[in-house]
Amino acid sequence: MSRDIDVLVLGGAGVDTIVYVPQLPLPYADSYMIEQGIRTRAGQTGDFVALGLGALGLRVHHLDMLGDDPEGGLVRALHREKGIALTAIPQPVGTKRAVNLVSPDGRRLSLYDASRTLIEDRFPDDTVRTLAAASRHVHVTITQPCADTLPLLRETGATVSTDLHDWDGENPYHEPFAHAADVVFLSTTALSDPERTMRRIADRGRVEVVVATAGAKGAYLLADDELTHIPPAAPPAPILDSNGAGDAFAAAFLHGWLNRETPRRSALYGTIAGAHACTVASTETEPIGRDDLLARATGL
């Protein structure tokens, strides 16, 4: 069977409103003047992974549910501009949206609009089957309704990755994603013992590689039962914003992994792309390109 798509990205399409605040947590006040302005732009986790993969030269297709609303129009326009194929299933309650509060040191607090997701949402099985069967790999975000696709994806023969983000290691919602994927990404943010959680994912699932990103500390890689610390990459410019750094890491790691680089080399790519993302303002979408990534990795 022809695999004309390198990576199918499932879910995670939406719109963020970016608000730069003087500090986090934000003390109560009747009002704040936002000197940098407030901007709404397309881009949530699935969008950023798709854009990152596309910038690295991979053939990408994105599948999610979008509303017939201004937010959906922004998402469609972003994909057209960046040349990313998009299949949008109609979502009657509207396109996913969030408000991101960003502090001067680049930290982020995201407020997600839960009213834009319905429990009964499902992707059409035929659509998922057709796209996944044409793909080498499927990256599954943890947004609704992606969990329902996991059994079907295994039947297509494509490898699978997922990002558990700031999972605490206990919430059962994340477990089906963790146990169905060949590559699992997560953040150490909410983990008291990252190694224990990483090894539990490996013991209970089918995963080949688990990667826990740790911000300025780099990342931790579990492969072949060996835990390795991956040092952070130096950012090429001043840090502005951590928004999208984890998605950039995942895209660059998958670029290496799908090109048969070692897990360690793939994780190195991830740290470089994540550091680059931290130098890009939340209001922009400028993922690292393949030539730049490889040039920065030379000699490391």
C-alpha atoms as a PDB file:
ATOM      1  CA  MET A   1       0.000   0.000   0.000  1.00  0.00           C
ATOM      2  CA  SER A   2       1.262   3.459  -0.915  1.00  0.00           C
ATOM      3  CA  ARG A   3       2.165   5.661   2.047  1.00  0.00           C
ATOM      4  CA  ASP A   4       1.878   9.099   0.440  1.00  0.00           C
ATOM      5  CA  ILE A   5       1.639  10.894   3.815  1.00  0.00           C
ATOM      6  CA  ASP A   6       4.619  10.898   6.158  1.00  0.00           C
ATOM      7  CA  VAL A   7       2.652  11.973   9.234  1.00  0.00           C
ATOM      8  CA  LEU A   8      -1.069  12.211   9.858  1.00  0.00           C
ATOM      9  CA  VAL A   9      -1.786  14.533  12.795  1.00  0.00           C
ATOM     10  CA  LEU A  10      -5.056  13.806  14.589  1.00  0.00           C
ATOM     11  CA  GLY A  11      -6.763  16.548  16.589  1.00  0.00           C
ATOM     12  CA  GLY A  12      -5.403  19.624  18.313  1.00  0.00           C
ATOM     13  CA  ALA A  13      -6.621  22.251  15.844  1.00  0.00           C
ATOM     14  CA  GLY A  14      -7.809  25.513  17.331  1.00  0.00           C
ATOM     15  CA  VAL A  15      -7.298  29.162  18.088  1.00  0.00           C
ATOM     16  CA  ASP A  16      -5.500  30.906  20.959  1.00  0.00           C
ATOM     17  CA  THR A  17      -5.927  34.423  22.262  1.00  0.00           C
ATOM     18  CA  ILE A  18      -2.545  35.622  23.567  1.00  0.00           C
ATOM     19  CA  VAL A  19      -2.422  38.023  26.521  1.00  0.00           C
ATOM     20  CA  TYR A  20       0.971  39.191  27.818  1.00  0.00           C
ATOM     21  CA  VAL A  21       0.612  39.763  31.556  1.00  0.00           C
ATOM     22  CA  PRO A  22       3.102  41.401  33.959  1.00  0.00           C
ATOM     23  CA  GLN A  23       3.505  38.249  36.050  1.00  0.00           C
ATOM     24  CA  LEU A  24       2.151  34.784  36.787  1.00  0.00           C
ATOM     25  CA  PRO A  25       0.222  34.113  38.913  1.00  0.00           C
ATOM     26  CA  LEU A  26      -1.615  37.306  38.062  1.00  0.00           C
ATOM     27  CA  PRO A  27      -2.659  39.230  41.197  1.00  0.00           C
ATOM     28  CA  TYR A  28      -6.298  40.261  41.346  1.00  0.00           C
ATOM     29  CA  ALA A  29      -7.045  43.734  40.022  1.00  0.00           C
ATOM     30  CA  ASP A  30     -10.092  45.371  38.517  1.00  0.00           C
ATOM     31  CA  SER A  31      -8.219  45.872  35.249  1.00  0.00           C
ATOM     32  CA  TYR A  32      -4.824  45.670  33.547  1.00  0.00           C
ATOM     33  CA  MET A  33      -3.438  47.621  30.614  1.00  0.00           C
ATOM     34  CA  ILE A  34      -1.835  45.173  28.160  1.00  0.00           C
ATOM     35  CA  GLU A  35       0.906  47.197  26.470  1.00  0.00           C
ATOM     36  CA  GLN A  36       1.807  44.492  23.929  1.00  0.00           C
ATOM     37  CA  GLY A  37      -1.766  44.141  22.777  1.00  0.00           C
ATOM     38  CA  ILE A  38      -4.098  41.149  22.735  1.00  0.00           C
ATOM     39  CA  ARG A  39      -4.037  38.978  19.647  1.00  0.00           C
ATOM     40  CA  THR A  40      -6.024  35.968  18.499  1.00  0.00           C
ATOM     41  CA  ARG A  41      -4.223  33.600  16.130  1.00  0.00           C
ATOM     42  CA  ALA A  42      -4.677  30.077  14.824  1.00  0.00           C
ATOM     43  CA  GLY A  43      -2.571  27.389  16.410  1.00  0.00           C
ATOM     44  CA  GLN A  44      -2.954  24.773  19.115  1.00  0.00           C
ATOM     45  CA  THR A  45      -0.960  21.605  19.766  1.00  0.00           C
ATOM     46  CA  GLY A  46      -1.953  19.679  16.633  1.00  0.00           C
ATOM     47  CA  ASP A  47      -1.487  22.718  14.424  1.00  0.00           C
ATOM     48  CA  PHE A  48       1.988  23.373  15.832  1.00  0.00           C
ATOM     49  CA  VAL A  49       3.108  19.753  15.404  1.00  0.00           C
ATOM     50  CA  ALA A  50       1.802  19.721  11.816  1.00  0.00           C
ATOM     51  CA  LEU A  51       3.505  23.016  11.002  1.00  0.00           C
ATOM     52  CA  GLY A  52       6.752  21.887  12.622  1.00  0.00           C
ATOM     53  CA  LEU A  53       6.782  18.653  10.638  1.00  0.00           C
ATOM     54  CA  GLY A  54       5.984  20.484   7.413  1.00  0.00           C
ATOM     55  CA  ALA A  55       8.807  22.968   7.981  1.00  0.00           C
ATOM     56  CA  LEU A  56      11.181  19.999   8.307  1.00  0.00           C
ATOM     57  CA  GLY A  57      10.196  18.695   4.884  1.00  0.00           C
ATOM     58  CA  LEU A  58       7.749  15.939   5.847  1.00  0.00           C
ATOM     59  CA  ARG A  59       4.480  15.355   4.020  1.00  0.00           C
ATOM     60  CA  VAL A  60       1.777  16.134   6.563  1.00  0.00           C
ATOM     61  CA  HIS A  61      -2.006  15.828   6.719  1.00  0.00           C
ATOM     62  CA  HIS A  62      -4.057  17.203   9.615  1.00  0.00           C
ATOM     63  CA  LEU A  63      -7.481  15.845  10.613  1.00  0.00           C
ATOM     64  CA  ASP A  64      -9.738  17.482  13.188  1.00  0.00           C
ATOM     65  CA  MET A  65     -13.166  18.954  13.819  1.00  0.00           C
ATOM     66  CA  LEU A  66     -13.691  22.655  13.026  1.00  0.00           C
ATOM     67  CA  GLY A  67     -16.666  24.941  13.335  1.00  0.00           C
ATOM     68  CA  ASP A  68     -18.112  27.145  10.629  1.00  0.00           C
ATOM     69  CA  ASP A  69     -16.999  30.200  12.560  1.00  0.00           C
ATOM     70  CA  PRO A  70     -14.284  32.898  12.477  1.00  0.00           C
ATOM     71  CA  GLU A  71     -11.951  30.690  14.534  1.00  0.00           C
ATOM     72  CA  GLY A  72     -12.317  27.851  12.052  1.00  0.00           C
ATOM     73  CA  GLY A  73     -11.570  30.310   9.262  1.00  0.00           C
ATOM     74  CA  LEU A  74      -8.298  31.250  10.952  1.00  0.00           C
ATOM     75  CA  VAL A  75      -7.254  27.601  11.233  1.00  0.00           C
ATOM     76  CA  ARG A  76      -8.088  26.889   7.593  1.00  0.00           C
ATOM     77  CA  ALA A  77      -6.202  29.991   6.467  1.00  0.00           C
ATOM     78  CA  LEU A  78      -3.106  29.002   8.470  1.00  0.00           C
ATOM     79  CA  HIS A  79      -3.002  25.577   6.841  1.00  0.00           C
ATOM     80  CA  ARG A  80      -3.424  27.071   3.368  1.00  0.00           C
ATOM     81  CA  GLU A  81      -0.642  29.586   4.031  1.00  0.00           C
ATOM     82  CA  LYS A  82       1.781  26.902   5.277  1.00  0.00           C
ATOM     83  CA  GLY A  83       0.826  24.289   2.676  1.00  0.00           C
ATOM     84  CA  ILE A  84      -0.473  21.724   5.199  1.00  0.00           C
ATOM     85  CA  ALA A  85      -3.279  19.474   3.955  1.00  0.00           C
ATOM     86  CA  LEU A  86      -6.327  19.678   6.228  1.00  0.00           C
ATOM     87  CA  THR A  87      -9.444  17.552   6.515  1.00  0.00           C
ATOM     88  CA  ALA A  88     -11.977  19.401   8.669  1.00  0.00           C
ATOM     89  CA  ILE A  89     -14.975  17.505  10.059  1.00  0.00           C
ATOM     90  CA  PRO A  90     -17.891  19.891  10.837  1.00  0.00           C
ATOM     91  CA  GLN A  91     -18.171  20.745  14.539  1.00  0.00           C
ATOM     92  CA  PRO A  92     -21.552  22.348  15.366  1.00  0.00           C
ATOM     93  CA  VAL A  93     -20.452  23.798  18.727  1.00  0.00           C
ATOM     94  CA  GLY A  94     -17.517  25.626  17.126  1.00  0.00           C
ATOM     95  CA  THR A  95     -13.753  25.496  16.812  1.00  0.00           C
ATOM     96  CA  LYS A  96     -11.641  24.833  19.904  1.00  0.00           C
ATOM     97  CA  ARG A  97     -10.262  27.994  21.494  1.00  0.00           C
ATOM     98  CA  ALA A  98      -8.206  29.045  24.479  1.00  0.00           C
ATOM     99  CA  VAL A  99      -6.743  32.101  26.188  1.00  0.00           C
ATOM    100  CA  ASN A 100      -3.005  31.987  26.942  1.00  0.00           C
ATOM    101  CA  LEU A 101      -1.629  34.276  29.636  1.00  0.00           C
ATOM    102  CA  VAL A 102       2.105  34.752  29.016  1.00  0.00           C
ATOM    103  CA  SER A 103       4.478  36.229  31.597  1.00  0.00           C
ATOM    104  CA  PRO A 104       7.673  38.220  30.873  1.00  0.00           C
ATOM    105  CA  ASP A 105       9.840  35.150  31.599  1.00  0.00           C
ATOM    106  CA  GLY A 106       7.994  33.153  28.941  1.00  0.00           C
ATOM    107  CA  ARG A 107       5.834  31.010  31.209  1.00  0.00           C
ATOM    108  CA  ARG A 108       2.264  30.307  30.083  1.00  0.00           C
ATOM    109  CA  LEU A 109      -1.123  29.683  31.656  1.00  0.00           C
ATOM    110  CA  SER A 110      -3.725  28.293  29.248  1.00  0.00           C
ATOM    111  CA  LEU A 111      -7.477  28.615  29.758  1.00  0.00           C
ATOM    112  CA  TYR A 112      -9.349  26.175  27.491  1.00  0.00           C
ATOM    113  CA  ASP A 113     -12.968  26.662  26.448  1.00  0.00           C
ATOM    114  CA  ALA A 114     -14.499  23.290  27.337  1.00  0.00           C
ATOM    115  CA  SER A 115     -17.825  24.241  25.733  1.00  0.00           C
ATOM    116  CA  ARG A 116     -16.274  23.662  22.281  1.00  0.00           C
ATOM    117  CA  THR A 117     -15.950  19.895  22.797  1.00  0.00           C
ATOM    118  CA  LEU A 118     -18.755  17.325  22.929  1.00  0.00           C
ATOM    119  CA  ILE A 119     -18.317  13.946  24.638  1.00  0.00           C
ATOM    120  CA  GLU A 120     -20.109  12.212  21.760  1.00  0.00           C
ATOM    121  CA  ASP A 121     -17.772  13.661  19.106  1.00  0.00           C
ATOM    122  CA  ARG A 122     -16.316  11.025  16.774  1.00  0.00           C
ATOM    123  CA  PHE A 123     -14.244  11.092  13.618  1.00  0.00           C
ATOM    124  CA  PRO A 124     -15.790   9.075  10.765  1.00  0.00           C
ATOM    125  CA  ASP A 125     -14.120   5.657  10.819  1.00  0.00           C
ATOM    126  CA  ASP A 126     -13.769   5.542   7.040  1.00  0.00           C
ATOM    127  CA  THR A 127     -11.966   8.896   7.004  1.00  0.00           C
ATOM    128  CA  VAL A 128      -9.539   7.842   9.730  1.00  0.00           C
ATOM    129  CA  ARG A 129      -8.916   4.458   8.120  1.00  0.00           C
ATOM    130  CA  THR A 130      -8.266   5.923   4.671  1.00  0.00           C
ATOM    131  CA  LEU A 131      -5.884   8.642   5.873  1.00  0.00           C
ATOM    132  CA  ALA A 132      -4.030   6.423   8.353  1.00  0.00           C
ATOM    133  CA  ALA A 133      -3.592   3.662   5.761  1.00  0.00           C
ATOM    134  CA  ALA A 134      -1.924   6.240   3.491  1.00  0.00           C
ATOM    135  CA  SER A 135       0.421   7.400   6.289  1.00  0.00           C
ATOM    136  CA  ARG A 136       3.752   6.159   7.555  1.00  0.00           C
ATOM    137  CA  HIS A 137       3.026   7.526  11.012  1.00  0.00           C
ATOM    138  CA  VAL A 138       0.142   9.025  13.008  1.00  0.00           C
ATOM    139  CA  HIS A 139       0.636  11.604  15.764  1.00  0.00           C
ATOM    140  CA  VAL A 140      -2.397  11.567  18.059  1.00  0.00           C
ATOM    141  CA  THR A 141      -3.164  14.554  20.268  1.00  0.00           C
ATOM    142  CA  ILE A 142      -5.067  13.919  23.488  1.00  0.00           C
ATOM    143  CA  THR A 143      -7.982  16.158  22.507  1.00  0.00           C
ATOM    144  CA  GLN A 144     -11.474  14.733  22.062  1.00  0.00           C
ATOM    145  CA  PRO A 145     -12.342  12.615  20.005  1.00  0.00           C
ATOM    146  CA  CYS A 146      -8.913  11.114  19.312  1.00  0.00           C
ATOM    147  CA  ALA A 147      -9.074   8.331  21.932  1.00  0.00           C
ATOM    148  CA  ASP A 148     -11.746   6.521  19.909  1.00  0.00           C
ATOM    149  CA  THR A 149      -9.382   6.240  16.932  1.00  0.00           C
ATOM    150  CA  LEU A 150      -6.648   4.295  18.743  1.00  0.00           C
ATOM    151  CA  PRO A 151      -7.892   0.723  18.066  1.00  0.00           C
ATOM    152  CA  LEU A 152      -8.531   1.573  14.416  1.00  0.00           C
ATOM    153  CA  LEU A 153      -5.072   3.089  13.935  1.00  0.00           C
ATOM    154  CA  ARG A 154      -3.345  -0.128  15.002  1.00  0.00           C
ATOM    155  CA  GLU A 155      -5.161  -1.992  12.222  1.00  0.00           C
ATOM    156  CA  THR A 156      -3.676   0.266   9.524  1.00  0.00           C
ATOM    157  CA  GLY A 157      -0.057  -0.630  10.239  1.00  0.00           C
ATOM    158  CA  ALA A 158       1.075   2.967  10.809  1.00  0.00           C
ATOM    159  CA  THR A 159       3.256   3.704  13.801  1.00  0.00           C
ATOM    160  CA  VAL A 160       1.750   6.005  16.428  1.00  0.00           C
ATOM    161  CA  SER A 161       2.996   8.777  18.722  1.00  0.00           C
ATOM    162  CA  THR A 162       1.226  10.910  21.295  1.00  0.00           C
ATOM    163  CA  ASP A 163       1.986  13.775  23.659  1.00  0.00           C
ATOM    164  CA  LEU A 164       0.575  13.514  27.193  1.00  0.00           C
ATOM    165  CA  HIS A 165       1.693  17.094  27.981  1.00  0.00           C
ATOM    166  CA  ASP A 166       1.587  17.849  31.727  1.00  0.00           C
ATOM    167  CA  TRP A 167       0.148  14.470  32.777  1.00  0.00           C
ATOM    168  CA  ASP A 168       0.431  13.781  36.494  1.00  0.00           C
ATOM    169  CA  GLY A 169       0.956  10.072  35.921  1.00  0.00           C
ATOM    170  CA  GLU A 170      -2.395   9.228  37.515  1.00  0.00           C
ATOM    171  CA  ASN A 171      -5.255  10.707  35.473  1.00  0.00           C
ATOM    172  CA  PRO A 172      -6.846   7.702  33.693  1.00  0.00           C
ATOM    173  CA  TYR A 173      -7.859   9.799  30.668  1.00  0.00           C
ATOM    174  CA  HIS A 174      -4.273   9.747  29.378  1.00  0.00           C
ATOM    175  CA  GLU A 175      -3.607   6.030  29.807  1.00  0.00           C
ATOM    176  CA  PRO A 176      -5.166   4.728  26.548  1.00  0.00           C
ATOM    177  CA  PHE A 177      -2.980   7.166  24.603  1.00  0.00           C
ATOM    178  CA  ALA A 178       0.160   6.197  26.539  1.00  0.00           C
ATOM    179  CA  HIS A 179      -0.422   2.466  26.108  1.00  0.00           C
ATOM    180  CA  ALA A 180      -1.287   2.553  22.378  1.00  0.00           C
ATOM    181  CA  ALA A 181       1.674   4.585  21.109  1.00  0.00           C
ATOM    182  CA  ASP A 182       5.100   3.574  19.824  1.00  0.00           C
ATOM    183  CA  VAL A 183       6.548   6.955  20.872  1.00  0.00           C
ATOM    184  CA  VAL A 184       5.252   8.819  23.938  1.00  0.00           C
ATOM    185  CA  PHE A 185       6.085  12.421  24.786  1.00  0.00           C
ATOM    186  CA  LEU A 186       5.228  14.075  28.095  1.00  0.00           C
ATOM    187  CA  SER A 187       6.412  16.887  30.314  1.00  0.00           C
ATOM    188  CA  THR A 188       7.998  16.504  33.744  1.00  0.00           C
ATOM    189  CA  THR A 189       6.012  19.519  34.992  1.00  0.00           C
ATOM    190  CA  ALA A 190       3.475  17.563  37.076  1.00  0.00           C
ATOM    191  CA  LEU A 191       5.582  14.449  37.773  1.00  0.00           C
ATOM    192  CA  SER A 192       7.112  13.850  41.195  1.00  0.00           C
ATOM    193  CA  ASP A 193       9.138  10.922  39.828  1.00  0.00           C
ATOM    194  CA  PRO A 194       9.545  11.155  36.024  1.00  0.00           C
ATOM    195  CA  GLU A 195      11.546   7.929  35.705  1.00  0.00           C
ATOM    196  CA  ARG A 196       8.918   5.907  37.546  1.00  0.00           C
ATOM    197  CA  THR A 197       6.158   7.227  35.274  1.00  0.00           C
ATOM    198  CA  MET A 198       8.234   6.669  32.135  1.00  0.00           C
ATOM    199  CA  ARG A 199       9.022   3.081  33.088  1.00  0.00           C
ATOM    200  CA  ARG A 200       5.400   2.390  33.957  1.00  0.00           C
ATOM    201  CA  ILE A 201       4.391   3.569  30.463  1.00  0.00           C
ATOM    202  CA  ALA A 202       6.995   1.218  28.983  1.00  0.00           C
ATOM    203  CA  ASP A 203       5.893  -1.717  31.138  1.00  0.00           C
ATOM    204  CA  ARG A 204       2.172  -1.377  30.453  1.00  0.00           C
ATOM    205  CA  GLY A 205       2.113  -0.319  26.822  1.00  0.00           C
ATOM    206  CA  ARG A 206       3.738  -1.068  23.468  1.00  0.00           C
ATOM    207  CA  VAL A 207       6.015   1.951  23.451  1.00  0.00           C
ATOM    208  CA  GLU A 208       9.523   1.876  21.977  1.00  0.00           C
ATOM    209  CA  VAL A 209      10.615   5.301  23.213  1.00  0.00           C
ATOM    210  CA  VAL A 210       9.392   7.562  26.035  1.00  0.00           C
ATOM    211  CA  VAL A 211      10.599  11.166  26.126  1.00  0.00           C
ATOM    212  CA  ALA A 212       9.967  13.502  29.054  1.00  0.00           C
ATOM    213  CA  THR A 213      10.757  17.137  28.320  1.00  0.00           C
ATOM    214  CA  ALA A 214      12.060  19.170  31.246  1.00  0.00           C
ATOM    215  CA  GLY A 215      12.241  22.745  29.973  1.00  0.00           C
ATOM    216  CA  ALA A 216      15.543  24.419  30.770  1.00  0.00           C
ATOM    217  CA  LYS A 217      16.873  21.092  32.100  1.00  0.00           C
ATOM    218  CA  GLY A 218      16.606  19.432  28.702  1.00  0.00           C
ATOM    219  CA  ALA A 219      14.842  16.083  28.434  1.00  0.00           C
ATOM    220  CA  TYR A 220      14.921  12.471  29.623  1.00  0.00           C
ATOM    221  CA  LEU A 221      14.902   9.595  27.150  1.00  0.00           C
ATOM    222  CA  LEU A 222      13.880   6.018  27.917  1.00  0.00           C
ATOM    223  CA  ALA A 223      14.852   3.610  25.127  1.00  0.00           C
ATOM    224  CA  ASP A 224      15.966  -0.028  25.272  1.00  0.00           C
ATOM    225  CA  ASP A 225      15.309   0.090  29.026  1.00  0.00           C
ATOM    226  CA  GLU A 226      18.012   2.745  29.486  1.00  0.00           C
ATOM    227  CA  LEU A 227      17.242   6.206  30.869  1.00  0.00           C
ATOM    228  CA  THR A 228      19.377   8.993  29.397  1.00  0.00           C
ATOM    229  CA  HIS A 229      19.488  12.699  30.182  1.00  0.00           C
ATOM    230  CA  ILE A 230      19.552  14.913  27.094  1.00  0.00           C
ATOM    231  CA  PRO A 231      21.096  18.326  27.897  1.00  0.00           C
ATOM    232  CA  PRO A 232      19.217  21.449  26.821  1.00  0.00           C
ATOM    233  CA  ALA A 233      20.175  23.213  23.609  1.00  0.00           C
ATOM    234  CA  ALA A 234      21.230  26.846  23.790  1.00  0.00           C
ATOM    235  CA  PRO A 235      18.534  29.127  22.370  1.00  0.00           C
ATOM    236  CA  PRO A 236      19.725  31.108  19.334  1.00  0.00           C
ATOM    237  CA  ALA A 237      18.156  34.350  20.621  1.00  0.00           C
ATOM    238  CA  PRO A 238      16.599  35.710  23.841  1.00  0.00           C
ATOM    239  CA  ILE A 239      13.769  33.590  25.244  1.00  0.00           C
ATOM    240  CA  LEU A 240      10.384  35.181  24.678  1.00  0.00           C
ATOM    241  CA  ASP A 241       7.801  32.487  25.202  1.00  0.00           C
ATOM    242  CA  SER A 242       7.571  28.771  25.987  1.00  0.00           C
ATOM    243  CA  ASN A 243       4.328  28.338  24.051  1.00  0.00           C
ATOM    244  CA  GLY A 244       4.711  25.582  21.447  1.00  0.00           C
ATOM    245  CA  ALA A 245       8.121  24.383  22.649  1.00  0.00           C
ATOM    246  CA  GLY A 246       6.875  20.881  23.432  1.00  0.00           C
ATOM    247  CA  ASP A 247       5.151  20.614  20.054  1.00  0.00           C
ATOM    248  CA  ALA A 248       8.347  21.760  18.318  1.00  0.00           C
ATOM    249  CA  PHE A 249      10.310  19.134  20.260  1.00  0.00           C
ATOM    250  CA  ALA A 250       7.877  16.393  19.195  1.00  0.00           C
ATOM    251  CA  ALA A 251       7.991  17.436  15.523  1.00  0.00           C
ATOM    252  CA  ALA A 252      11.793  17.495  15.399  1.00  0.00           C
ATOM    253  CA  PHE A 253      12.082  14.203  17.287  1.00  0.00           C
ATOM    254  CA  LEU A 254       9.691  12.544  14.830  1.00  0.00           C
ATOM    255  CA  HIS A 255      11.678  13.976  11.922  1.00  0.00           C
ATOM    256  CA  GLY A 256      14.742  12.161  13.236  1.00  0.00           C
ATOM    257  CA  TRP A 257      12.938   8.983  14.262  1.00  0.00           C
ATOM    258  CA  LEU A 258      11.148   8.600  10.914  1.00  0.00           C
ATOM    259  CA  ASN A 259      14.471   9.106   9.142  1.00  0.00           C
ATOM    260  CA  ARG A 260      15.950   6.245  11.200  1.00  0.00           C
ATOM    261  CA  GLU A 261      18.125   8.392  13.424  1.00  0.00           C
ATOM    262  CA  THR A 262      18.853   6.990  16.888  1.00  0.00           C
ATOM    263  CA  PRO A 263      16.481   7.955  19.708  1.00  0.00           C
ATOM    264  CA  ARG A 264      19.286  10.025  21.271  1.00  0.00           C
ATOM    265  CA  ARG A 265      19.934  11.921  18.026  1.00  0.00           C
ATOM    266  CA  SER A 266      16.190  12.434  17.566  1.00  0.00           C
ATOM    267  CA  ALA A 267      15.945  13.841  21.094  1.00  0.00           C
ATOM    268  CA  LEU A 268      18.850  16.177  20.351  1.00  0.00           C
ATOM    269  CA  TYR A 269      16.876  17.501  17.386  1.00  0.00           C
ATOM    270  CA  GLY A 270      13.945  17.965  19.750  1.00  0.00           C
ATOM    271  CA  THR A 271      15.921  20.099  22.196  1.00  0.00           C
ATOM    272  CA  ILE A 272      17.178  22.312  19.349  1.00  0.00           C
ATOM    273  CA  ALA A 273      13.682  22.836  17.942  1.00  0.00           C
ATOM    274  CA  GLY A 274      12.225  23.437  21.406  1.00  0.00           C
ATOM    275  CA  ALA A 275      14.868  26.061  22.169  1.00  0.00           C
ATOM    276  CA  HIS A 276      14.137  27.751  18.842  1.00  0.00           C
ATOM    277  CA  ALA A 277      10.411  27.831  19.644  1.00  0.00           C
ATOM    278  CA  CYS A 278      11.122  29.646  22.918  1.00  0.00           C
ATOM    279  CA  THR A 279      12.614  32.538  20.944  1.00  0.00           C
ATOM    280  CA  VAL A 280       9.433  33.026  18.886  1.00  0.00           C
ATOM    281  CA  ALA A 281       6.580  35.103  20.303  1.00  0.00           C
ATOM    282  CA  SER A 282       3.262  33.321  20.943  1.00  0.00           C
ATOM    283  CA  THR A 283       1.624  35.564  18.384  1.00  0.00           C
ATOM    284  CA  GLU A 284       3.820  34.125  15.598  1.00  0.00           C
ATOM    285  CA  THR A 285       4.187  30.710  13.939  1.00  0.00           C
ATOM    286  CA  GLU A 286       7.796  30.276  12.819  1.00  0.00           C
ATOM    287  CA  PRO A 287       8.971  26.659  13.287  1.00  0.00           C
ATOM    288  CA  ILE A 288      12.583  25.765  12.680  1.00  0.00           C
ATOM    289  CA  GLY A 289      13.444  24.592   9.156  1.00  0.00           C
ATOM    290  CA  ARG A 290      15.324  21.417   8.230  1.00  0.00           C
ATOM    291  CA  ASP A 291      18.546  23.107   7.118  1.00  0.00           C
ATOM    292  CA  ASP A 292      18.707  25.235  10.268  1.00  0.00           C
ATOM    293  CA  LEU A 293      17.998  22.219  12.487  1.00  0.00           C
ATOM    294  CA  LEU A 294      20.725  20.100  10.908  1.00  0.00           C
ATOM    295  CA  ALA A 295      23.222  22.976  10.953  1.00  0.00           C
ATOM    296  CA  ARG A 296      22.700  23.544  14.675  1.00  0.00           C
ATOM    297  CA  ALA A 297      23.003  19.809  15.352  1.00  0.00           C
ATOM    298  CA  THR A 298      26.360  19.560  13.566  1.00  0.00           C
ATOM    299  CA  GLY A 299      29.098  18.666  16.012  1.00  0.00           C
ATOM    300  CA  LEU A 300      26.746  18.036  18.935  1.00  0.00           C
END
